[in-house]
Amino acid sequence: MPNPLKYNKKFDELNEEEKQLLEINKKSIADFVEQSSSISDVNYATRNAHAKTYAVAKGTFWIDPVIPEALKPFFDKEKFDLIIRFSNAQLKIKNSKKDIPAYGFAVQIRDENNNLLSNYPLVNFPLFPVNSVSTFLKLFTAINRFYLQGWRNLFSIITQMTKLLPSVFTGSFIRNILKLIGKRNDFILSFDYHSVGAFRLGDHMIKIKLSPKSVNKNIGKKQNTRKALRSYLQRNDFTADVLIQLCYDLKDQPINNLNVEWKNSPFIKIGEVKIDKNSLLNPRESCNELLSFNPFESKAIFQPVGKIQKLRDEAYKVSVQTRRKINTLLHGKKSEL
């Protein structure tokens, strides 16, 4: 097996145009969050993405005792404590029975002293439809403005979406879209969850996959997603394998090309995530609503890699700072979800 490629900060660097577009986008994020309570018709400021929380739970990351020797320095304990947030990717909260199957499984890892080690916002679709930073920022800004200003921004959204077409017409992307359509009515915990972009593991670069074990995809067919999930977690343990792929060759494992799956890099099991039954936390408590899963708050050796990933740093900061300021003013310790 070849040696993994080493992380280089050049993978993350934005050009001047991209930096300018990011500043415009940050303003649109702050404006969205400030108006988000009206947009979603709730009494608190929401996130700018994955606004709808289904549940928050405590969990445990159990390390596999037979992981490769080279990985052991990063996983030097038997287990780590987790806080997990289940969500939907939509910007607007809707009280519908069934949401579009765009789910989030955000994981916060802490040590035995409750110090933050890393945040991993995982999603149930392994690819990202945009490789161009400029196109993504223009599209995201246009969507934010659409929610704030209405239909006059529709043309801008359509313009940017047409630029996405070449990115979505790849074998990997089409195959995963068809797979998602086939699973659109499946139970939220029956999906695999992915990091989409790459993350550092020391000097190495990895992708992460969470693969649930023995979860019936037909659970909760007649319930809305939130009720089905909470009911399941109150009555059942949940376990998922944690797998990683290492980056060896940019041709087969591209860092800044997120619309194709990595190949020629075998999955390595590093442990299991377990949620014991009845480990749900109260999502209405302000400490849980105000949780941040910003991956750039992680220790440096676990942070995201890549230009699209780099955008998350500023976007998360603006979103969480604006949200916390408003919710603290509105509710103090009583911020609701």
Protein backbone atom coordinates (compact mmCIF):
# COMPACT_ATOMS: atom_id res chain seq x y z
CA MET A 1 0.00 0.00 0.00
CA PRO A 2 1.43 3.45 -0.92
CA ASN A 3 2.14 6.10 1.68
CA PRO A 4 -0.74 8.55 2.24
CA LEU A 5 -0.35 12.06 0.85
CA LYS A 6 0.45 14.76 3.39
CA TYR A 7 -1.79 17.73 4.09
CA ASN A 8 -0.76 21.03 2.50
CA LYS A 9 -2.43 24.35 3.28
CA LYS A 10 -2.48 25.09 -0.46
CA PHE A 11 -5.49 22.76 -0.72
CA ASP A 12 -7.47 25.39 1.26
CA GLU A 13 -6.35 28.65 -0.34
CA LEU A 14 -8.98 30.99 -1.87
CA ASN A 15 -8.19 33.49 -4.61
CA GLU A 16 -9.08 37.17 -4.33
CA GLU A 17 -12.39 36.89 -6.21
CA GLU A 18 -13.46 34.02 -3.97
CA LYS A 19 -12.55 36.00 -0.86
CA GLN A 20 -14.67 38.95 -2.03
CA LEU A 21 -17.63 36.69 -2.81
CA LEU A 22 -17.27 35.11 0.62
CA GLU A 23 -17.65 38.52 2.30
CA ILE A 24 -20.87 39.11 0.34
CA ASN A 25 -22.10 35.66 1.28
CA LYS A 26 -21.35 36.22 4.98
CA LYS A 27 -23.53 39.34 4.91
CA SER A 28 -26.39 37.33 3.35
CA ILE A 29 -25.99 34.66 6.05
CA ALA A 30 -26.22 37.21 8.86
CA ASP A 31 -29.28 38.80 7.23
CA PHE A 32 -30.93 35.38 6.85
CA VAL A 33 -30.33 34.37 10.46
CA GLU A 34 -31.62 37.74 11.71
CA GLN A 35 -34.89 37.14 9.84
CA SER A 36 -34.98 33.36 10.27
CA SER A 37 -37.63 33.34 13.00
CA SER A 38 -40.05 34.99 10.57
CA ILE A 39 -38.95 32.81 7.64
CA SER A 40 -39.64 29.60 9.59
CA ASP A 41 -42.41 31.04 11.78
CA VAL A 42 -40.72 30.08 15.05
CA ASN A 43 -39.80 32.08 18.14
CA TYR A 44 -36.02 31.75 17.87
CA ALA A 45 -33.28 32.38 15.32
CA THR A 46 -32.42 29.27 13.30
CA ARG A 47 -29.28 27.98 11.65
CA ASN A 48 -28.52 29.03 8.08
CA ALA A 49 -28.47 25.38 7.01
CA HIS A 50 -29.83 22.23 8.64
CA ALA A 51 -32.24 24.48 10.51
CA LYS A 52 -34.61 21.72 11.57
CA THR A 53 -33.50 19.61 14.53
CA TYR A 54 -35.03 16.17 14.88
CA ALA A 55 -33.18 15.13 18.04
CA VAL A 56 -30.06 15.63 20.14
CA ALA A 57 -28.49 12.67 21.94
CA LYS A 58 -25.50 11.55 23.95
CA GLY A 59 -23.34 8.83 22.43
CA THR A 60 -20.03 7.02 22.71
CA PHE A 61 -17.25 6.47 20.17
CA TRP A 62 -15.69 3.08 20.89
CA ILE A 63 -12.27 2.60 19.30
CA ASP A 64 -11.56 -0.66 17.46
CA PRO A 65 -8.71 -2.42 19.33
CA VAL A 66 -7.16 -3.65 16.06
CA ILE A 67 -6.87 -0.38 14.12
CA PRO A 68 -3.64 0.03 12.10
CA GLU A 69 -0.61 0.95 14.20
CA ALA A 70 -0.13 4.25 12.34
CA LEU A 71 -3.60 5.44 13.43
CA LYS A 72 -3.34 4.58 17.12
CA PRO A 73 -1.79 7.93 18.20
CA PHE A 74 -5.02 9.67 17.13
CA PHE A 75 -7.27 7.24 19.00
CA ASP A 76 -5.35 6.65 22.22
CA LYS A 77 -8.38 6.02 24.45
CA GLU A 78 -10.80 3.14 24.64
CA LYS A 79 -13.74 5.48 24.09
CA PHE A 80 -14.74 9.13 23.60
CA ASP A 81 -17.93 10.97 24.55
CA LEU A 82 -20.22 12.27 21.81
CA ILE A 83 -23.01 14.78 21.37
CA ILE A 84 -25.03 14.04 18.24
CA ARG A 85 -27.54 16.25 16.43
CA PHE A 86 -29.94 14.84 13.84
CA SER A 87 -31.27 17.41 11.37
CA ASN A 88 -32.68 18.22 7.95
CA ALA A 89 -30.67 20.25 5.45
CA GLN A 90 -33.41 22.72 4.52
CA LEU A 91 -32.93 26.36 5.43
CA LYS A 92 -36.59 26.79 6.36
CA ILE A 93 -38.31 24.76 9.06
CA LYS A 94 -41.52 23.16 7.82
CA ASN A 95 -44.00 21.21 9.93
CA SER A 96 -44.54 18.51 7.33
CA LYS A 97 -45.09 14.80 7.88
CA LYS A 98 -42.27 13.86 5.53
CA ASP A 99 -39.29 16.07 4.73
CA ILE A 100 -37.02 15.71 1.75
CA PRO A 101 -34.49 12.98 2.68
CA ALA A 102 -31.56 15.38 3.14
CA TYR A 103 -30.47 14.39 6.63
CA GLY A 104 -27.64 15.48 8.90
CA PHE A 105 -25.83 13.45 11.56
CA ALA A 106 -23.52 15.98 13.25
CA VAL A 107 -21.04 14.52 15.73
CA GLN A 108 -19.12 16.37 18.44
CA ILE A 109 -16.27 14.39 20.04
CA ARG A 110 -14.99 15.26 23.52
CA ASP A 111 -12.33 13.78 25.78
CA GLU A 112 -12.71 12.55 29.37
CA ASN A 113 -12.32 16.12 30.65
CA ASN A 114 -15.10 17.37 28.35
CA ASN A 115 -12.63 19.22 26.12
CA LEU A 116 -13.67 19.51 22.48
CA LEU A 117 -11.59 17.37 20.13
CA SER A 118 -13.49 17.60 16.86
CA ASN A 119 -16.79 18.30 15.10
CA TYR A 120 -17.94 16.29 12.10
CA PRO A 121 -21.12 17.39 10.28
CA LEU A 122 -22.02 14.24 8.35
CA VAL A 123 -24.79 13.95 5.74
CA ASN A 124 -26.61 11.09 4.04
CA PHE A 125 -25.43 12.01 0.53
CA PRO A 126 -21.71 11.41 -0.14
CA LEU A 127 -21.16 14.02 -2.86
CA PHE A 128 -21.42 17.77 -3.34
CA PRO A 129 -22.80 19.22 -6.60
CA VAL A 130 -20.42 22.18 -6.83
CA ASN A 131 -16.67 22.24 -7.38
CA SER A 132 -16.44 25.93 -8.23
CA VAL A 133 -16.13 28.09 -5.11
CA SER A 134 -17.39 31.17 -6.99
CA THR A 135 -20.49 29.39 -8.30
CA PHE A 136 -21.29 27.97 -4.88
CA LEU A 137 -20.97 31.34 -3.13
CA LYS A 138 -23.10 33.11 -5.74
CA LEU A 139 -25.77 30.39 -5.52
CA PHE A 140 -25.82 30.32 -1.72
CA THR A 141 -26.06 34.13 -1.60
CA ALA A 142 -28.90 34.09 -4.13
CA ILE A 143 -30.81 31.48 -2.10
CA ASN A 144 -30.42 33.50 1.11
CA ARG A 145 -31.66 36.60 -0.66
CA PHE A 146 -34.58 34.67 -2.17
CA TYR A 147 -35.85 33.85 1.32
CA LEU A 148 -35.39 37.48 2.36
CA GLN A 149 -36.49 39.38 -0.73
CA GLY A 150 -38.67 36.97 -2.67
CA TRP A 151 -39.04 36.13 -6.33
CA ARG A 152 -36.86 38.89 -7.73
CA ASN A 153 -33.83 36.74 -6.91
CA LEU A 154 -35.17 33.66 -8.69
CA PHE A 155 -33.36 34.47 -11.95
CA SER A 156 -30.03 34.62 -10.11
CA ILE A 157 -30.69 31.20 -8.57
CA ILE A 158 -31.56 29.71 -11.96
CA THR A 159 -28.46 31.24 -13.54
CA GLN A 160 -26.15 29.73 -10.94
CA MET A 161 -27.93 26.37 -10.97
CA THR A 162 -27.38 26.02 -14.72
CA LYS A 163 -23.67 26.28 -14.02
CA LEU A 164 -23.97 23.22 -11.78
CA LEU A 165 -25.19 20.91 -14.54
CA PRO A 166 -21.74 19.72 -15.69
CA SER A 167 -20.89 18.81 -12.08
CA VAL A 168 -23.98 16.69 -11.50
CA PHE A 169 -23.72 14.74 -14.75
CA THR A 170 -21.02 12.39 -13.53
CA GLY A 171 -21.36 8.65 -13.06
CA SER A 172 -20.86 8.94 -9.30
CA PHE A 173 -23.39 11.71 -8.88
CA ILE A 174 -26.12 10.16 -11.02
CA ARG A 175 -25.66 6.77 -9.34
CA ASN A 176 -26.02 8.29 -5.87
CA ILE A 177 -29.03 10.41 -6.89
CA LEU A 178 -30.82 7.27 -8.12
CA LYS A 179 -29.88 5.48 -4.90
CA LEU A 180 -31.26 8.35 -2.81
CA ILE A 181 -34.53 8.38 -4.79
CA GLY A 182 -34.91 4.65 -4.12
CA LYS A 183 -34.37 5.24 -0.38
CA ARG A 184 -36.37 8.47 -0.08
CA ASN A 185 -38.95 6.92 2.27
CA ASP A 186 -36.47 4.94 4.38
CA PHE A 187 -35.95 5.52 8.11
CA ILE A 188 -33.40 8.23 8.88
CA LEU A 189 -31.12 5.88 10.85
CA SER A 190 -30.91 3.35 8.02
CA PHE A 191 -28.81 5.68 5.83
CA ASP A 192 -25.04 5.77 5.63
CA TYR A 193 -23.60 9.17 6.59
CA HIS A 194 -20.58 10.82 4.98
CA SER A 195 -18.17 13.67 5.52
CA VAL A 196 -18.50 14.70 1.82
CA GLY A 197 -15.27 16.72 1.91
CA ALA A 198 -11.93 15.66 3.36
CA PHE A 199 -10.60 16.15 6.88
CA ARG A 200 -7.13 16.09 8.37
CA LEU A 201 -5.97 13.19 10.47
CA GLY A 202 -2.67 14.61 11.58
CA ASP A 203 -0.59 14.95 8.41
CA HIS A 204 -2.92 12.62 6.51
CA MET A 205 -6.20 13.44 4.75
CA ILE A 206 -9.29 11.28 5.09
CA LYS A 207 -12.96 10.92 4.29
CA ILE A 208 -15.36 9.51 6.88
CA LYS A 209 -18.31 7.15 6.55
CA LEU A 210 -20.77 6.13 9.25
CA SER A 211 -22.55 2.85 8.45
CA PRO A 212 -25.49 1.85 10.72
CA LYS A 213 -25.82 -1.75 11.85
CA SER A 214 -29.11 -3.70 11.80
CA VAL A 215 -31.57 -0.81 11.39
CA ASN A 216 -34.86 -1.62 9.68
CA LYS A 217 -35.39 0.85 6.83
CA ASN A 218 -39.19 0.51 7.15
CA ILE A 219 -39.43 1.91 10.69
CA GLY A 220 -41.72 4.91 11.14
CA LYS A 221 -43.43 4.74 7.75
CA LYS A 222 -46.61 6.28 9.18
CA GLN A 223 -44.91 8.81 11.45
CA ASN A 224 -43.14 12.06 10.74
CA THR A 225 -39.36 11.84 10.83
CA ARG A 226 -38.90 13.51 14.21
CA LYS A 227 -41.42 11.32 16.02
CA ALA A 228 -40.11 8.14 14.40
CA LEU A 229 -36.50 8.95 15.30
CA ARG A 230 -37.22 9.93 18.89
CA SER A 231 -39.44 6.91 19.42
CA TYR A 232 -36.73 4.59 18.11
CA LEU A 233 -33.95 6.12 20.23
CA GLN A 234 -36.10 5.96 23.37
CA ARG A 235 -36.60 2.21 22.93
CA ASN A 236 -33.52 0.94 21.10
CA ASP A 237 -29.74 1.06 21.14
CA PHE A 238 -28.15 2.35 17.93
CA THR A 239 -24.74 1.28 16.63
CA ALA A 240 -22.84 2.30 13.50
CA ASP A 241 -19.40 1.41 12.15
CA VAL A 242 -16.99 4.34 11.72
CA LEU A 243 -14.92 3.93 8.54
CA ILE A 244 -12.28 6.12 6.94
CA GLN A 245 -10.55 6.33 3.56
CA LEU A 246 -7.03 7.76 3.26
CA CYS A 247 -5.88 10.01 0.43
CA TYR A 248 -2.99 8.45 -1.51
CA ASP A 249 -3.30 9.98 -4.98
CA LEU A 250 -5.16 13.17 -5.97
CA LYS A 251 -6.24 11.55 -9.23
CA ASP A 252 -8.17 8.82 -7.42
CA GLN A 253 -8.91 10.72 -4.20
CA PRO A 254 -9.37 14.38 -5.20
CA ILE A 255 -9.55 16.97 -2.43
CA ASN A 256 -11.25 19.81 -4.34
CA ASN A 257 -13.39 17.73 -6.66
CA LEU A 258 -16.38 16.82 -4.49
CA ASN A 259 -18.75 15.44 -7.13
CA VAL A 260 -16.98 12.08 -7.46
CA GLU A 261 -16.40 9.30 -4.97
CA TRP A 262 -12.91 8.33 -3.90
CA LYS A 263 -11.64 5.11 -5.45
CA ASN A 264 -8.69 2.78 -4.89
CA SER A 265 -8.67 3.64 -1.20
CA PRO A 266 -10.10 0.84 0.97
CA PHE A 267 -12.34 1.64 3.91
CA ILE A 268 -10.66 1.12 7.28
CA LYS A 269 -12.85 0.51 10.34
CA ILE A 270 -11.63 2.59 13.27
CA GLY A 271 -14.47 2.02 15.71
CA GLU A 272 -18.18 2.26 16.42
CA VAL A 273 -20.60 4.99 17.39
CA LYS A 274 -23.15 3.82 19.93
CA ILE A 275 -26.22 5.59 21.29
CA ASP A 276 -27.73 3.76 24.25
CA LYS A 277 -31.50 3.73 24.39
CA ASN A 278 -33.10 6.62 26.22
CA SER A 279 -29.99 8.84 25.77
CA LEU A 280 -31.92 11.69 24.19
CA LEU A 281 -31.27 15.22 25.42
CA ASN A 282 -33.89 17.94 25.60
CA PRO A 283 -33.50 19.89 22.33
CA ARG A 284 -35.46 22.80 23.83
CA GLU A 285 -32.74 23.56 26.34
CA SER A 286 -30.65 26.52 25.24
CA CYS A 287 -27.36 24.68 25.77
CA ASN A 288 -28.43 22.15 23.13
CA GLU A 289 -30.01 24.62 20.71
CA LEU A 290 -26.88 26.79 20.83
CA LEU A 291 -24.52 23.89 20.13
CA SER A 292 -22.07 24.56 17.32
CA PHE A 293 -20.79 21.77 15.09
CA ASN A 294 -18.32 23.98 13.26
CA PRO A 295 -15.54 21.59 12.12
CA PHE A 296 -13.04 24.46 12.32
CA GLU A 297 -13.49 24.55 16.08
CA SER A 298 -11.79 21.15 16.13
CA LYS A 299 -8.16 20.68 17.05
CA ALA A 300 -5.94 21.58 14.08
CA ILE A 301 -5.05 17.96 13.33
CA PHE A 302 -8.74 17.10 12.76
CA GLN A 303 -9.89 20.14 10.75
CA PRO A 304 -11.45 20.16 7.24
CA VAL A 305 -9.38 20.26 4.06
CA GLY A 306 -10.24 21.90 0.74
CA LYS A 307 -11.56 25.14 -0.70
CA ILE A 308 -15.29 24.34 -0.38
CA GLN A 309 -14.63 23.12 3.15
CA LYS A 310 -12.75 26.34 3.93
CA LEU A 311 -15.92 28.33 3.25
CA ARG A 312 -17.54 26.62 6.23
CA ASP A 313 -15.17 28.33 8.64
CA GLU A 314 -16.44 31.87 8.09
CA ALA A 315 -20.01 30.78 7.29
CA TYR A 316 -20.35 28.80 10.54
CA LYS A 317 -18.88 31.65 12.58
CA VAL A 318 -21.27 34.25 11.15
CA SER A 319 -24.27 31.96 11.52
CA VAL A 320 -23.61 30.85 15.08
CA GLN A 321 -22.58 34.29 16.33
CA THR A 322 -25.72 35.91 14.90
CA ARG A 323 -27.95 33.10 16.13
CA ARG A 324 -26.55 33.12 19.65
CA LYS A 325 -26.79 36.89 19.94
CA ILE A 326 -30.45 36.93 18.88
CA ASN A 327 -31.51 33.90 20.91
CA THR A 328 -29.79 35.19 24.03
CA LEU A 329 -31.59 38.51 23.65
CA LEU A 330 -34.93 36.86 22.97
CA HIS A 331 -34.91 34.07 25.49
CA GLY A 332 -31.78 34.13 27.58
CA LYS A 333 -31.60 30.65 29.05
CA LYS A 334 -34.95 29.65 27.54
CA SER A 335 -34.09 29.51 23.85
CA GLU A 336 -36.37 26.97 22.26
CA LEU A 337 -35.95 24.66 19.31
